[in-house]
Amino acid sequence: MNKEVLEYINNIPLKYKDDYIKIFNIFKENLDKNIECVIQYGMPTFIIPKSIYPSGYHVSNEPLGIVSIAAQKQHIAIYHMGMYINEENNLMNWYKNIYISRNKYVPDLGKSCIRFKSVKSIDYQLIEELSKKISMNDFIDMYENVRKK
C-alpha cells in the first residue's frame, strides 16, 4: 500500500478506524485491479492511472479519481464519482432507494458524498454492491460522455 495512504489510515481517530478500514477494503477488493490508491485531495482516492487513461482529470490533469474515502471529524465520507457524474446512470437513486428499503431511514447524502455520522448507519453490503456497480471502463466512458457535452 502507498506510504501516504497507510499514514492517513494510521492517523484516523479510533472511533472510525475499524469501520473506515472495512469500507476501504471493500473498494480495494472490488474495484478493477488496475485501479490504484493514492492520496488525492487530501484523502485516499482510488484512481485510474495515467498509464491507462493518460488524459486524467480535465481540471487538474491529475489521474482520474473514481472513489475517495475520508475520515472527517464528525463522519466517514465516501465520494463516489460514478454517483454524481451524470443523472442518466441513476446510481444515486439506486443507492438511496436500496438504503432506505434496508435501513428504514434516509441516507445522509451531500452534494458529492455519502456521510456516515454514526458507524451504526453503515450498510456494508450495500457499499460492496456499490463498489461493483461501475467498471473502470464504464466510468471512463461516462466521464468522456459528460466531457463531450
Foldseek 3Di string as FASTA:
>chain_A
DDPVQVVQLVPFPPQCNVVLVLLVVLLCVAADVQWDWDQDPNFTFTFRDCVRVVCADVPPSHTDTAWTWDRDPQWIKIFGVVCQLDCVVVLVVVLQVVLCVVPVDGFDDDNGITTDRDSVSDDSVSSSVSSNPAHPVNVVVSNVVSVVD
